[in-house]
Amino acid sequence: SLIEWVFGVKLRVTGDLIDRNEPAILLMNHRTRLDWLFSWNALYKMDPWLLTTEKISLKAPLRKIPGGGWAMSCGSYIFLDRNFEKDKPILERIVKYFSGSEKNYQILLFAEGTDKGERATRLSNEFAEKHGLPKYEYVLHPRTTGFRYLLDLMKKENYIKNVYDLTIAYSGTIVDTEKKLLCGNFPD
């Protein structure tokens, strides 16, 4: 993949290969806001065509990025407000649209709802304490309502074959901003 070839990042993919011909949910942790970049390289290693069938769910304000927001909209990316009542009709519409098409897509969902910054980690730990759950060091507690709803919608439309766990782990340097990336910092 490009990131390995140009920047020397070592990427290892283990587990089941994702079948681009089957509709699926790709559940991914969100260690940094750049995880999508590394996930593309993992998908490319499995099957380059997965980059054409993956549809990313992302926060709605990203739609306003000049040029990029338009391109993501054209690519049928799923812009969510991270408010279940607002997002329900969006999920219903997109699942209906995908299931009515002649193509099978894999929907990438960041079930944690946000990247693992200081505030999100604190809120995740507070949630864990309140519910008697363990505190996590490398991931956040997932937000399960939207995932469950999406899964049920896809089942109802007979548009789901698999749910894949795409856990991204970093060794050494953790690159959590675009600036660090542009300054030549990459995971080991």
N, C-alpha and C. Protein backbone atom coordinates (compact mmCIF):
# COMPACT_ATOMS: atom_id res chain seq x y z
N SER A 1 0.84 -1.19 0.00
CA SER A 1 0.00 0.00 0.00
C SER A 1 0.88 1.24 0.00
N LEU A 2 0.31 2.35 -0.39
CA LEU A 2 1.06 3.60 -0.53
C LEU A 2 1.74 4.03 0.76
N ILE A 3 1.03 3.94 1.86
CA ILE A 3 1.60 4.39 3.14
C ILE A 3 2.81 3.53 3.53
N GLU A 4 2.76 2.26 3.20
CA GLU A 4 3.90 1.38 3.49
C GLU A 4 5.06 1.71 2.56
N TRP A 5 4.75 1.86 1.30
CA TRP A 5 5.78 2.05 0.28
C TRP A 5 6.46 3.41 0.42
N VAL A 6 5.69 4.47 0.58
CA VAL A 6 6.26 5.82 0.62
C VAL A 6 6.84 6.16 1.99
N PHE A 7 6.13 5.79 3.06
CA PHE A 7 6.52 6.25 4.39
C PHE A 7 7.11 5.16 5.29
N GLY A 8 7.15 3.93 4.80
CA GLY A 8 7.78 2.86 5.56
C GLY A 8 6.97 2.34 6.74
N VAL A 9 5.68 2.65 6.77
CA VAL A 9 4.81 2.15 7.84
C VAL A 9 4.61 0.66 7.64
N LYS A 10 4.76 -0.11 8.70
CA LYS A 10 4.53 -1.55 8.62
C LYS A 10 3.09 -1.83 9.02
N LEU A 11 2.36 -2.45 8.12
CA LEU A 11 0.95 -2.74 8.35
C LEU A 11 0.75 -4.24 8.30
N ARG A 12 0.12 -4.78 9.32
CA ARG A 12 -0.14 -6.21 9.37
C ARG A 12 -1.64 -6.42 9.50
N VAL A 13 -2.18 -7.26 8.63
CA VAL A 13 -3.61 -7.57 8.63
C VAL A 13 -3.76 -9.03 9.03
N THR A 14 -4.58 -9.29 10.04
CA THR A 14 -4.84 -10.67 10.47
C THR A 14 -6.34 -10.90 10.51
N GLY A 15 -6.73 -12.15 10.51
CA GLY A 15 -8.16 -12.48 10.62
C GLY A 15 -8.80 -12.76 9.29
N ASP A 16 -10.12 -12.75 9.30
CA ASP A 16 -10.90 -13.05 8.09
C ASP A 16 -10.75 -11.94 7.06
N LEU A 17 -10.67 -12.33 5.81
CA LEU A 17 -10.66 -11.35 4.73
C LEU A 17 -12.09 -10.90 4.47
N ILE A 18 -12.26 -9.64 4.17
CA ILE A 18 -13.58 -9.08 3.90
C ILE A 18 -13.93 -9.35 2.45
N ASP A 19 -15.12 -9.86 2.22
CA ASP A 19 -15.59 -10.15 0.86
C ASP A 19 -16.32 -8.93 0.32
N ARG A 20 -15.76 -8.32 -0.71
CA ARG A 20 -16.36 -7.11 -1.27
C ARG A 20 -17.70 -7.38 -1.95
N ASN A 21 -18.02 -8.64 -2.19
CA ASN A 21 -19.27 -8.99 -2.85
C ASN A 21 -20.41 -9.23 -1.87
N GLU A 22 -20.16 -9.03 -0.59
CA GLU A 22 -21.19 -9.24 0.43
C GLU A 22 -21.39 -7.98 1.25
N PRO A 23 -22.66 -7.62 1.50
CA PRO A 23 -22.90 -6.45 2.36
C PRO A 23 -22.50 -6.76 3.80
N ALA A 24 -21.90 -5.78 4.45
CA ALA A 24 -21.40 -6.02 5.80
C ALA A 24 -21.30 -4.71 6.57
N ILE A 25 -21.13 -4.86 7.87
CA ILE A 25 -20.77 -3.74 8.73
C ILE A 25 -19.32 -3.97 9.16
N LEU A 26 -18.52 -2.93 9.03
CA LEU A 26 -17.14 -2.96 9.50
C LEU A 26 -17.11 -2.12 10.77
N LEU A 27 -16.97 -2.77 11.91
CA LEU A 27 -16.93 -2.07 13.20
C LEU A 27 -15.47 -1.77 13.52
N MET A 28 -15.17 -0.51 13.71
CA MET A 28 -13.78 -0.14 13.92
C MET A 28 -13.62 0.74 15.15
N ASN A 29 -12.54 0.51 15.89
CA ASN A 29 -12.21 1.42 16.99
C ASN A 29 -11.70 2.72 16.39
N HIS A 30 -11.56 3.74 17.22
CA HIS A 30 -11.22 5.07 16.70
C HIS A 30 -10.15 5.71 17.58
N ARG A 31 -8.96 5.13 17.56
CA ARG A 31 -7.86 5.58 18.41
C ARG A 31 -7.45 7.02 18.10
N THR A 32 -7.40 7.36 16.81
CA THR A 32 -7.05 8.72 16.40
C THR A 32 -7.99 9.16 15.28
N ARG A 33 -7.96 10.44 14.96
CA ARG A 33 -8.84 10.89 13.89
C ARG A 33 -8.29 10.54 12.51
N LEU A 34 -7.15 9.88 12.45
CA LEU A 34 -6.56 9.46 11.18
C LEU A 34 -6.71 7.96 10.92
N ASP A 35 -7.48 7.27 11.75
CA ASP A 35 -7.62 5.82 11.60
C ASP A 35 -8.13 5.41 10.22
N TRP A 36 -9.02 6.21 9.65
CA TRP A 36 -9.56 5.89 8.34
C TRP A 36 -8.44 5.74 7.30
N LEU A 37 -7.40 6.56 7.43
CA LEU A 37 -6.28 6.50 6.49
C LEU A 37 -5.58 5.14 6.56
N PHE A 38 -5.36 4.67 7.77
CA PHE A 38 -4.70 3.37 7.94
C PHE A 38 -5.66 2.22 7.60
N SER A 39 -6.95 2.42 7.82
CA SER A 39 -7.92 1.37 7.47
C SER A 39 -7.96 1.18 5.96
N TRP A 40 -7.85 2.26 5.20
CA TRP A 40 -7.83 2.14 3.74
C TRP A 40 -6.67 1.26 3.29
N ASN A 41 -5.53 1.41 3.95
CA ASN A 41 -4.38 0.60 3.58
C ASN A 41 -4.59 -0.86 3.94
N ALA A 42 -5.26 -1.12 5.06
CA ALA A 42 -5.57 -2.50 5.43
C ALA A 42 -6.54 -3.11 4.42
N LEU A 43 -7.57 -2.35 4.04
CA LEU A 43 -8.52 -2.86 3.05
C LEU A 43 -7.83 -3.10 1.72
N TYR A 44 -6.95 -2.20 1.32
CA TYR A 44 -6.22 -2.35 0.07
C TYR A 44 -5.40 -3.64 0.07
N LYS A 45 -4.77 -3.94 1.21
CA LYS A 45 -3.98 -5.18 1.30
C LYS A 45 -4.85 -6.42 1.15
N MET A 46 -6.08 -6.35 1.68
CA MET A 46 -6.99 -7.50 1.55
C MET A 46 -7.48 -7.66 0.12
N ASP A 47 -7.96 -6.56 -0.44
CA ASP A 47 -8.53 -6.56 -1.79
C ASP A 47 -8.68 -5.10 -2.21
N PRO A 48 -7.90 -4.63 -3.16
CA PRO A 48 -7.97 -3.21 -3.56
C PRO A 48 -9.38 -2.74 -3.91
N TRP A 49 -10.22 -3.64 -4.41
CA TRP A 49 -11.58 -3.25 -4.79
C TRP A 49 -12.44 -2.89 -3.58
N LEU A 50 -12.02 -3.29 -2.38
CA LEU A 50 -12.78 -2.90 -1.18
C LEU A 50 -12.84 -1.38 -1.03
N LEU A 51 -11.87 -0.68 -1.57
CA LEU A 51 -11.89 0.78 -1.47
C LEU A 51 -13.04 1.38 -2.27
N THR A 52 -13.60 0.61 -3.20
CA THR A 52 -14.74 1.10 -3.99
C THR A 52 -16.08 0.71 -3.38
N THR A 53 -16.08 -0.23 -2.45
CA THR A 53 -17.35 -0.70 -1.87
C THR A 53 -17.52 -0.30 -0.41
N GLU A 54 -16.50 0.27 0.20
CA GLU A 54 -16.60 0.72 1.59
C GLU A 54 -17.31 2.07 1.64
N LYS A 55 -18.24 2.20 2.56
CA LYS A 55 -18.94 3.46 2.80
C LYS A 55 -18.72 3.84 4.26
N ILE A 56 -18.13 4.99 4.49
CA ILE A 56 -17.75 5.40 5.83
C ILE A 56 -18.86 6.23 6.47
N SER A 57 -19.17 5.93 7.72
CA SER A 57 -20.04 6.81 8.50
C SER A 57 -19.14 7.80 9.22
N LEU A 58 -19.51 9.05 9.20
CA LEU A 58 -18.68 10.07 9.81
C LEU A 58 -19.54 11.22 10.32
N LYS A 59 -18.96 12.07 11.15
CA LYS A 59 -19.75 13.13 11.76
C LYS A 59 -20.15 14.17 10.71
N ALA A 60 -21.38 14.64 10.85
CA ALA A 60 -22.00 15.53 9.86
C ALA A 60 -21.19 16.78 9.52
N PRO A 61 -20.52 17.44 10.47
CA PRO A 61 -19.78 18.65 10.10
C PRO A 61 -18.71 18.43 9.02
N LEU A 62 -18.24 17.21 8.86
CA LEU A 62 -17.21 16.94 7.84
C LEU A 62 -17.75 17.12 6.42
N ARG A 63 -19.07 17.14 6.28
CA ARG A 63 -19.68 17.38 4.97
C ARG A 63 -19.32 18.78 4.47
N LYS A 64 -18.98 19.69 5.36
CA LYS A 64 -18.70 21.08 4.99
C LYS A 64 -17.24 21.34 4.62
N ILE A 65 -16.41 20.32 4.62
CA ILE A 65 -15.01 20.50 4.19
C ILE A 65 -15.01 20.85 2.71
N PRO A 66 -14.42 21.98 2.33
CA PRO A 66 -14.42 22.37 0.92
C PRO A 66 -13.83 21.27 0.03
N GLY A 67 -14.56 20.90 -0.97
CA GLY A 67 -14.11 19.87 -1.91
C GLY A 67 -14.28 18.47 -1.37
N GLY A 68 -13.67 18.20 -0.22
CA GLY A 68 -13.73 16.86 0.37
C GLY A 68 -15.13 16.46 0.79
N GLY A 69 -15.88 17.40 1.37
CA GLY A 69 -17.25 17.10 1.78
C GLY A 69 -18.12 16.75 0.59
N TRP A 70 -17.95 17.50 -0.49
CA TRP A 70 -18.70 17.23 -1.71
C TRP A 70 -18.34 15.84 -2.26
N ALA A 71 -17.05 15.53 -2.28
CA ALA A 71 -16.60 14.24 -2.79
C ALA A 71 -17.14 13.09 -1.94
N MET A 72 -17.13 13.27 -0.62
CA MET A 72 -17.66 12.22 0.25
C MET A 72 -19.17 12.06 0.07
N SER A 73 -19.88 13.16 -0.15
CA SER A 73 -21.32 13.08 -0.42
C SER A 73 -21.57 12.32 -1.71
N CYS A 74 -20.79 12.63 -2.74
CA CYS A 74 -20.93 11.92 -4.02
C CYS A 74 -20.63 10.44 -3.88
N GLY A 75 -19.76 10.09 -2.93
CA GLY A 75 -19.41 8.70 -2.68
C GLY A 75 -20.38 7.99 -1.76
N SER A 76 -21.50 8.62 -1.44
CA SER A 76 -22.53 8.04 -0.56
C SER A 76 -21.99 7.72 0.83
N TYR A 77 -21.08 8.55 1.32
CA TYR A 77 -20.67 8.39 2.71
C TYR A 77 -21.84 8.80 3.60
N ILE A 78 -21.84 8.35 4.82
CA ILE A 78 -22.99 8.50 5.70
C ILE A 78 -22.66 9.53 6.77
N PHE A 79 -23.25 10.71 6.65
CA PHE A 79 -23.00 11.80 7.59
C PHE A 79 -24.00 11.72 8.74
N LEU A 80 -23.49 11.57 9.95
CA LEU A 80 -24.34 11.40 11.13
C LEU A 80 -24.14 12.55 12.12
N ASP A 81 -25.23 12.91 12.80
CA ASP A 81 -25.19 13.96 13.81
C ASP A 81 -24.76 13.43 15.17
N ARG A 82 -24.67 12.12 15.31
CA ARG A 82 -24.35 11.46 16.58
C ARG A 82 -25.44 11.75 17.62
N ASN A 83 -26.66 11.83 17.10
CA ASN A 83 -27.87 11.97 17.91
C ASN A 83 -28.85 10.96 17.33
N PHE A 84 -29.20 9.95 18.10
CA PHE A 84 -29.94 8.81 17.56
C PHE A 84 -31.23 9.22 16.87
N GLU A 85 -32.00 10.11 17.46
CA GLU A 85 -33.28 10.51 16.85
C GLU A 85 -33.07 11.19 15.51
N LYS A 86 -32.03 12.00 15.38
CA LYS A 86 -31.73 12.65 14.10
C LYS A 86 -31.15 11.67 13.09
N ASP A 87 -30.40 10.69 13.58
CA ASP A 87 -29.70 9.76 12.69
C ASP A 87 -30.57 8.61 12.20
N LYS A 88 -31.63 8.29 12.92
CA LYS A 88 -32.49 7.17 12.51
C LYS A 88 -32.97 7.29 11.06
N PRO A 89 -33.56 8.42 10.65
CA PRO A 89 -34.02 8.50 9.26
C PRO A 89 -32.88 8.45 8.25
N ILE A 90 -31.71 8.94 8.63
CA ILE A 90 -30.55 8.88 7.73
C ILE A 90 -30.15 7.42 7.51
N LEU A 91 -30.08 6.66 8.60
CA LEU A 91 -29.72 5.24 8.49
C LEU A 91 -30.78 4.48 7.70
N GLU A 92 -32.05 4.77 7.95
CA GLU A 92 -33.13 4.10 7.22
C GLU A 92 -33.01 4.38 5.72
N ARG A 93 -32.79 5.64 5.37
CA ARG A 93 -32.71 6.03 3.96
C ARG A 93 -31.50 5.37 3.28
N ILE A 94 -30.36 5.35 3.95
CA ILE A 94 -29.15 4.82 3.32
C ILE A 94 -29.22 3.30 3.16
N VAL A 95 -29.77 2.60 4.16
CA VAL A 95 -29.90 1.15 4.04
C VAL A 95 -30.90 0.81 2.93
N LYS A 96 -31.98 1.55 2.84
CA LYS A 96 -32.97 1.34 1.78
C LYS A 96 -32.31 1.58 0.41
N TYR A 97 -31.52 2.64 0.32
CA TYR A 97 -30.83 2.97 -0.93
C TYR A 97 -29.83 1.88 -1.30
N PHE A 98 -28.97 1.49 -0.37
CA PHE A 98 -27.96 0.47 -0.66
C PHE A 98 -28.61 -0.87 -1.00
N SER A 99 -29.62 -1.27 -0.24
CA SER A 99 -30.24 -2.58 -0.48
C SER A 99 -31.00 -2.60 -1.80
N GLY A 100 -31.45 -1.43 -2.27
CA GLY A 100 -32.16 -1.36 -3.54
C GLY A 100 -31.23 -1.25 -4.74
N SER A 101 -29.97 -1.06 -4.48
CA SER A 101 -29.00 -0.98 -5.58
C SER A 101 -28.58 -2.40 -5.96
N GLU A 102 -27.85 -2.50 -7.02
CA GLU A 102 -27.37 -3.81 -7.45
C GLU A 102 -25.98 -4.11 -6.90
N LYS A 103 -25.53 -3.31 -5.96
CA LYS A 103 -24.18 -3.48 -5.42
C LYS A 103 -24.24 -3.79 -3.93
N ASN A 104 -23.19 -4.43 -3.48
CA ASN A 104 -23.05 -4.71 -2.06
C ASN A 104 -21.96 -3.82 -1.49
N TYR A 105 -22.30 -3.18 -0.39
CA TYR A 105 -21.37 -2.25 0.25
C TYR A 105 -21.05 -2.72 1.66
N GLN A 106 -19.92 -2.25 2.15
CA GLN A 106 -19.52 -2.49 3.53
C GLN A 106 -19.54 -1.13 4.22
N ILE A 107 -20.33 -1.03 5.27
CA ILE A 107 -20.48 0.24 5.99
C ILE A 107 -19.51 0.26 7.16
N LEU A 108 -18.59 1.23 7.13
CA LEU A 108 -17.63 1.40 8.22
C LEU A 108 -18.27 2.25 9.31
N LEU A 109 -18.34 1.69 10.50
CA LEU A 109 -18.97 2.37 11.63
C LEU A 109 -17.97 2.47 12.77
N PHE A 110 -17.75 3.67 13.24
CA PHE A 110 -16.92 3.89 14.42
C PHE A 110 -17.85 3.87 15.62
N ALA A 111 -18.03 2.70 16.20
CA ALA A 111 -19.03 2.53 17.27
C ALA A 111 -18.70 3.29 18.54
N GLU A 112 -17.45 3.71 18.69
CA GLU A 112 -17.10 4.50 19.86
C GLU A 112 -17.65 5.93 19.76
N GLY A 113 -18.02 6.34 18.56
CA GLY A 113 -18.64 7.63 18.36
C GLY A 113 -17.68 8.79 18.18
N THR A 114 -16.45 8.63 18.59
CA THR A 114 -15.46 9.70 18.47
C THR A 114 -14.07 9.09 18.65
N ASP A 115 -13.04 9.87 18.36
CA ASP A 115 -11.69 9.35 18.57
C ASP A 115 -11.33 9.40 20.06
N LYS A 116 -10.26 8.70 20.41
CA LYS A 116 -9.90 8.51 21.82
C LYS A 116 -9.05 9.67 22.34
N GLY A 117 -9.64 10.83 22.42
CA GLY A 117 -8.97 11.98 23.02
C GLY A 117 -9.16 11.98 24.53
N GLU A 118 -8.62 13.00 25.19
CA GLU A 118 -8.70 13.07 26.65
C GLU A 118 -10.15 13.14 27.14
N ARG A 119 -10.96 14.00 26.54
CA ARG A 119 -12.35 14.16 26.97
C ARG A 119 -13.13 12.87 26.77
N ALA A 120 -12.99 12.26 25.60
CA ALA A 120 -13.71 11.02 25.31
C ALA A 120 -13.29 9.90 26.25
N THR A 121 -12.01 9.84 26.58
CA THR A 121 -11.52 8.82 27.51
C THR A 121 -12.12 9.04 28.90
N ARG A 122 -12.16 10.29 29.34
CA ARG A 122 -12.76 10.60 30.64
C ARG A 122 -14.24 10.19 30.67
N LEU A 123 -14.99 10.53 29.62
CA LEU A 123 -16.41 10.18 29.57
C LEU A 123 -16.61 8.67 29.52
N SER A 124 -15.76 7.97 28.79
CA SER A 124 -15.84 6.51 28.73
C SER A 124 -15.57 5.90 30.10
N ASN A 125 -14.58 6.43 30.80
CA ASN A 125 -14.27 5.92 32.14
C ASN A 125 -15.40 6.21 33.13
N GLU A 126 -16.03 7.38 33.02
CA GLU A 126 -17.17 7.70 33.88
C GLU A 126 -18.33 6.74 33.60
N PHE A 127 -18.57 6.45 32.33
CA PHE A 127 -19.61 5.50 31.95
C PHE A 127 -19.30 4.13 32.55
N ALA A 128 -18.03 3.71 32.46
CA ALA A 128 -17.62 2.41 33.00
C ALA A 128 -17.86 2.35 34.51
N GLU A 129 -17.48 3.39 35.23
CA GLU A 129 -17.69 3.42 36.68
C GLU A 129 -19.17 3.34 37.03
N LYS A 130 -19.98 4.11 36.32
CA LYS A 130 -21.42 4.16 36.59
C LYS A 130 -22.09 2.81 36.36
N HIS A 131 -21.59 2.04 35.38
CA HIS A 131 -22.22 0.78 35.01
C HIS A 131 -21.43 -0.46 35.46
N GLY A 132 -20.42 -0.26 36.29
CA GLY A 132 -19.64 -1.39 36.80
C GLY A 132 -18.87 -2.13 35.73
N LEU A 133 -18.38 -1.40 34.75
CA LEU A 133 -17.63 -1.99 33.65
C LEU A 133 -16.15 -1.67 33.80
N PRO A 134 -15.29 -2.45 33.14
CA PRO A 134 -13.85 -2.14 33.22
C PRO A 134 -13.52 -0.87 32.44
N LYS A 135 -12.47 -0.20 32.86
CA LYS A 135 -11.95 0.94 32.11
C LYS A 135 -10.96 0.39 31.09
N TYR A 136 -11.01 0.94 29.89
CA TYR A 136 -10.14 0.47 28.83
C TYR A 136 -8.97 1.43 28.63
N GLU A 137 -7.84 0.86 28.26
CA GLU A 137 -6.66 1.68 28.03
C GLU A 137 -6.54 2.14 26.58
N TYR A 138 -6.91 1.27 25.64
CA TYR A 138 -6.66 1.56 24.23
C TYR A 138 -7.91 1.84 23.41
N VAL A 139 -9.08 1.58 23.95
CA VAL A 139 -10.33 1.82 23.24
C VAL A 139 -11.32 2.50 24.19
N LEU A 140 -12.43 2.96 23.64
CA LEU A 140 -13.51 3.55 24.42
C LEU A 140 -14.67 2.55 24.49
N HIS A 141 -15.54 2.74 25.45
CA HIS A 141 -16.76 1.93 25.47
C HIS A 141 -17.60 2.34 24.26
N PRO A 142 -18.10 1.36 23.51
CA PRO A 142 -18.86 1.68 22.29
C PRO A 142 -20.24 2.25 22.61
N ARG A 143 -20.74 2.99 21.64
CA ARG A 143 -22.11 3.47 21.69
C ARG A 143 -22.91 2.46 20.86
N THR A 144 -23.72 1.67 21.51
CA THR A 144 -24.31 0.50 20.85
C THR A 144 -25.66 0.75 20.19
N THR A 145 -26.35 1.82 20.55
CA THR A 145 -27.71 2.03 20.03
C THR A 145 -27.73 2.14 18.51
N GLY A 146 -26.88 2.98 17.95
CA GLY A 146 -26.84 3.16 16.50
C GLY A 146 -26.40 1.91 15.77
N PHE A 147 -25.41 1.22 16.33
CA PHE A 147 -24.96 -0.04 15.72
C PHE A 147 -26.09 -1.05 15.68
N ARG A 148 -26.77 -1.21 16.80
CA ARG A 148 -27.86 -2.19 16.88
C ARG A 148 -28.97 -1.83 15.89
N TYR A 149 -29.28 -0.55 15.80
CA TYR A 149 -30.33 -0.11 14.88
C TYR A 149 -29.93 -0.36 13.43
N LEU A 150 -28.69 -0.03 13.08
CA LEU A 150 -28.19 -0.28 11.73
C LEU A 150 -28.22 -1.76 11.41
N LEU A 151 -27.77 -2.59 12.33
CA LEU A 151 -27.78 -4.04 12.11
C LEU A 151 -29.20 -4.55 11.89
N ASP A 152 -30.14 -4.10 12.72
CA ASP A 152 -31.54 -4.52 12.57
C ASP A 152 -32.12 -4.06 11.23
N LEU A 153 -31.81 -2.84 10.81
CA LEU A 153 -32.29 -2.35 9.51
C LEU A 153 -31.74 -3.21 8.37
N MET A 154 -30.46 -3.52 8.45
CA MET A 154 -29.85 -4.31 7.39
C MET A 154 -30.41 -5.73 7.36
N LYS A 155 -30.70 -6.29 8.53
CA LYS A 155 -31.33 -7.61 8.59
C LYS A 155 -32.72 -7.56 7.97
N LYS A 156 -33.48 -6.53 8.31
CA LYS A 156 -34.84 -6.37 7.79
C LYS A 156 -34.84 -6.31 6.26
N GLU A 157 -33.84 -5.66 5.70
CA GLU A 157 -33.73 -5.53 4.24
C GLU A 157 -32.97 -6.71 3.61
N ASN A 158 -32.62 -7.70 4.43
CA ASN A 158 -31.83 -8.84 3.96
C ASN A 158 -30.55 -8.36 3.26
N TYR A 159 -29.90 -7.40 3.91
CA TYR A 159 -28.73 -6.75 3.32
C TYR A 159 -27.54 -6.80 4.28
N ILE A 160 -27.33 -7.94 4.89
CA ILE A 160 -26.17 -8.11 5.78
C ILE A 160 -25.72 -9.55 5.72
N LYS A 161 -24.44 -9.75 5.55
CA LYS A 161 -23.87 -11.10 5.58
C LYS A 161 -22.91 -11.26 6.74
N ASN A 162 -22.18 -10.19 7.07
CA ASN A 162 -21.16 -10.27 8.11
C ASN A 162 -21.02 -8.96 8.87
N VAL A 163 -20.52 -9.09 10.08
CA VAL A 163 -20.05 -7.94 10.85
C VAL A 163 -18.58 -8.23 11.14
N TYR A 164 -17.72 -7.34 10.70
CA TYR A 164 -16.29 -7.52 10.87
C TYR A 164 -15.75 -6.58 11.95
N ASP A 165 -14.82 -7.06 12.72
CA ASP A 165 -14.12 -6.27 13.72
C ASP A 165 -12.82 -5.77 13.09
N LEU A 166 -12.72 -4.48 12.90
CA LEU A 166 -11.50 -3.87 12.38
C LEU A 166 -10.83 -3.10 13.51
N THR A 167 -10.15 -3.80 14.37
CA THR A 167 -9.46 -3.12 15.46
C THR A 167 -8.09 -2.69 14.97
N ILE A 168 -7.85 -1.39 15.05
CA ILE A 168 -6.57 -0.83 14.65
C ILE A 168 -5.73 -0.67 15.92
N ALA A 169 -4.51 -1.18 15.87
CA ALA A 169 -3.59 -1.03 17.01
C ALA A 169 -2.30 -0.41 16.49
N TYR A 170 -1.71 0.42 17.29
CA TYR A 170 -0.47 1.10 16.92
C TYR A 170 0.63 0.69 17.88
N SER A 171 1.82 0.52 17.34
CA SER A 171 2.97 0.31 18.22
C SER A 171 3.84 1.55 18.12
N GLY A 172 4.46 1.90 19.20
CA GLY A 172 5.34 3.07 19.17
C GLY A 172 4.56 4.37 19.01
N THR A 173 4.94 5.14 18.02
CA THR A 173 4.36 6.46 17.78
C THR A 173 2.88 6.36 17.44
N ILE A 174 2.07 7.17 18.12
CA ILE A 174 0.65 7.27 17.77
C ILE A 174 0.45 8.63 17.12
N VAL A 175 0.06 8.61 15.86
CA VAL A 175 -0.14 9.83 15.09
C VAL A 175 -1.61 10.21 15.19
N ASP A 176 -1.89 11.31 15.92
CA ASP A 176 -3.28 11.65 16.15
C ASP A 176 -3.72 12.97 15.52
N THR A 177 -2.82 13.62 14.78
CA THR A 177 -3.20 14.85 14.09
C THR A 177 -2.58 14.87 12.69
N GLU A 178 -3.22 15.62 11.82
CA GLU A 178 -2.71 15.78 10.47
C GLU A 178 -1.33 16.45 10.49
N LYS A 179 -1.14 17.39 11.41
CA LYS A 179 0.14 18.10 11.51
C LYS A 179 1.29 17.12 11.78
N LYS A 180 1.08 16.19 12.71
CA LYS A 180 2.12 15.20 13.01
C LYS A 180 2.43 14.37 11.77
N LEU A 181 1.39 14.01 11.04
CA LEU A 181 1.57 13.22 9.82
C LEU A 181 2.38 14.00 8.79
N LEU A 182 2.01 15.27 8.59
CA LEU A 182 2.71 16.11 7.61
C LEU A 182 4.15 16.41 8.02
N CYS A 183 4.43 16.33 9.32
CA CYS A 183 5.80 16.55 9.81
C CYS A 183 6.64 15.27 9.76
N GLY A 184 6.07 14.21 9.18
CA GLY A 184 6.83 12.98 9.00
C GLY A 184 6.74 11.99 10.13
N ASN A 185 5.81 12.17 11.04
CA ASN A 185 5.63 11.19 12.13
C ASN A 185 4.65 10.11 11.68
N PHE A 186 5.07 8.87 11.76
CA PHE A 186 4.23 7.74 11.38
C PHE A 186 4.36 6.65 12.42
N PRO A 187 3.32 5.82 12.55
CA PRO A 187 3.45 4.67 13.46
C PRO A 187 4.61 3.79 13.03
N ASP A 188 5.24 3.14 14.01
CA ASP A 188 6.35 2.22 13.71
C ASP A 188 5.85 1.00 12.96
